[in-house]
Amino acid sequence: MQKLTKAEEEVMHLLWEIGRGTVSDLLDKCPDPKPPHSTISSVVRILEKKGFVDHKAYGKTHEYFPIITKEAYGSRSLGDVLRNYFDGSVTRLVSHLTEEEKLSAEELEALRRLLD
């Protein structure tokens, strides 16, 4: 699975949110200031070439839908972070999360339960 650029990832998040939609539907979900229609259209076509998105044509209108789940991409991305920033060490990753992210007592307790 290829890595996505920031713009591609943002469009994928919109598509995961709506499930299926046209470029106009995606544009409606974009925060202001909205990018040009052509930009979203280009990003969606790139995502399709990369194998993240497919479409169904209704005449000249294309309805796009994700073919990679958010969970699958997230799992792959987390694996990349683990390898590239924590030398593959889950312990170092969890240590970072507990020290730098200021986990709440409830979150720490949930981690303890998972580890037991």
Protein backbone atom coordinates (compact mmCIF):
# COMPACT_ATOMS: atom_id res chain seq x y z
CA MET A 1 0.00 0.00 0.00
CA GLN A 2 1.40 3.36 -1.02
CA LYS A 3 1.76 6.25 1.36
CA LEU A 4 -0.60 9.16 0.89
CA THR A 5 0.29 12.83 0.72
CA LYS A 6 -1.36 15.17 3.22
CA ALA A 7 -3.90 16.34 0.61
CA GLU A 8 -4.69 12.77 -0.43
CA GLU A 9 -5.13 11.73 3.19
CA GLU A 10 -7.49 14.66 3.84
CA VAL A 11 -9.66 13.67 0.87
CA MET A 12 -9.64 10.03 2.01
CA HIS A 13 -10.87 11.11 5.46
CA LEU A 14 -13.74 12.96 3.79
CA LEU A 15 -14.58 9.94 1.67
CA TRP A 16 -14.40 7.59 4.67
CA GLU A 17 -16.78 9.97 6.44
CA ILE A 18 -19.41 10.10 3.69
CA GLY A 19 -18.88 6.57 2.34
CA ARG A 20 -19.69 7.37 -1.29
CA GLY A 21 -19.95 10.63 -3.14
CA THR A 22 -19.17 12.87 -6.05
CA VAL A 23 -16.40 15.45 -6.13
CA SER A 24 -19.06 18.06 -5.31
CA ASP A 25 -20.11 16.04 -2.25
CA LEU A 26 -16.50 15.96 -1.07
CA LEU A 27 -16.13 19.67 -1.73
CA ASP A 28 -19.23 20.36 0.38
CA LYS A 29 -17.51 18.60 3.31
CA CYS A 30 -14.27 20.56 2.95
CA PRO A 31 -13.65 23.27 5.54
CA ASP A 32 -13.42 26.89 4.41
CA PRO A 33 -11.61 28.15 2.48
CA LYS A 34 -12.65 25.40 0.08
CA PRO A 35 -10.16 24.24 -2.54
CA PRO A 36 -11.09 24.45 -6.23
CA HIS A 37 -13.30 21.67 -7.64
CA SER A 38 -10.47 20.75 -10.03
CA THR A 39 -8.08 20.16 -7.10
CA ILE A 40 -10.40 17.69 -5.38
CA SER A 41 -11.09 16.03 -8.74
CA SER A 42 -7.36 15.61 -9.37
CA VAL A 43 -6.71 14.22 -5.90
CA VAL A 44 -9.54 11.70 -6.25
CA ARG A 45 -8.17 10.51 -9.60
CA ILE A 46 -4.71 10.09 -8.03
CA LEU A 47 -6.28 8.10 -5.18
CA GLU A 48 -7.96 5.91 -7.76
CA LYS A 49 -4.65 5.29 -9.55
CA LYS A 50 -3.03 4.41 -6.21
CA GLY A 51 -5.76 1.86 -5.52
CA PHE A 52 -7.48 3.60 -2.61
CA VAL A 53 -10.66 4.65 -4.41
CA ASP A 54 -12.91 3.31 -7.15
CA HIS A 55 -15.90 4.83 -8.88
CA LYS A 56 -19.22 4.09 -10.50
CA ALA A 57 -20.13 6.20 -13.50
CA TYR A 58 -23.62 7.60 -14.03
CA GLY A 59 -23.24 9.29 -17.40
CA LYS A 60 -20.74 12.10 -16.88
CA THR A 61 -21.08 11.93 -13.10
CA HIS A 62 -18.73 9.74 -11.09
CA GLU A 63 -19.56 8.50 -7.62
CA TYR A 64 -16.39 7.63 -5.72
CA PHE A 65 -16.02 5.21 -2.84
CA PRO A 66 -13.07 3.98 -0.77
CA ILE A 67 -11.76 0.48 -1.38
CA ILE A 68 -9.26 0.69 1.49
CA THR A 69 -10.77 1.00 4.96
CA LYS A 70 -9.72 3.70 7.36
CA GLU A 71 -8.70 0.98 9.82
CA ALA A 72 -6.47 -0.79 7.26
CA TYR A 73 -4.73 2.46 6.35
CA GLY A 74 -4.41 3.44 10.01
CA SER A 75 -2.89 0.09 10.88
CA ARG A 76 -0.35 0.42 8.07
CA SER A 77 0.46 4.00 9.07
CA LEU A 78 0.91 3.03 12.71
CA GLY A 79 3.27 0.26 11.64
CA ASP A 80 5.28 2.80 9.64
CA VAL A 81 5.44 5.16 12.65
CA LEU A 82 6.52 2.29 14.89
CA ARG A 83 9.32 1.26 12.51
CA ASN A 84 10.47 4.72 11.45
CA TYR A 85 10.31 6.61 14.75
CA PHE A 86 10.46 4.02 17.53
CA ASP A 87 12.83 1.42 16.00
CA GLY A 88 9.99 -1.10 15.98
CA SER A 89 9.68 -0.97 19.77
CA VAL A 90 6.11 -1.00 21.05
CA THR A 91 7.50 -0.25 24.51
CA ARG A 92 9.11 2.96 23.25
CA LEU A 93 5.89 3.95 21.51
CA VAL A 94 3.76 3.36 24.61
CA SER A 95 6.35 5.15 26.75
CA HIS A 96 6.16 8.13 24.41
CA LEU A 97 2.37 8.13 24.55
CA THR A 98 2.28 7.99 28.33
CA GLU A 99 4.95 10.68 28.80
CA GLU A 100 4.30 13.09 25.94
CA GLU A 101 0.58 12.80 25.32
CA LYS A 102 -0.44 13.19 28.96
CA LEU A 103 -2.80 10.23 29.04
CA SER A 104 -5.65 10.46 31.50
CA ALA A 105 -5.92 8.10 34.48
CA GLU A 106 -8.74 6.28 32.65
CA GLU A 107 -6.60 5.79 29.55
CA LEU A 108 -3.66 4.51 31.62
CA GLU A 109 -5.95 2.09 33.44
CA ALA A 110 -7.34 0.86 30.10
CA LEU A 111 -3.76 0.23 28.93
CA ARG A 112 -3.00 -1.70 32.12
CA ARG A 113 -6.07 -3.88 31.56
CA LEU A 114 -5.00 -4.57 27.97
CA LEU A 115 -1.54 -5.60 29.10
CA ASP A 116 -2.88 -7.98 31.78
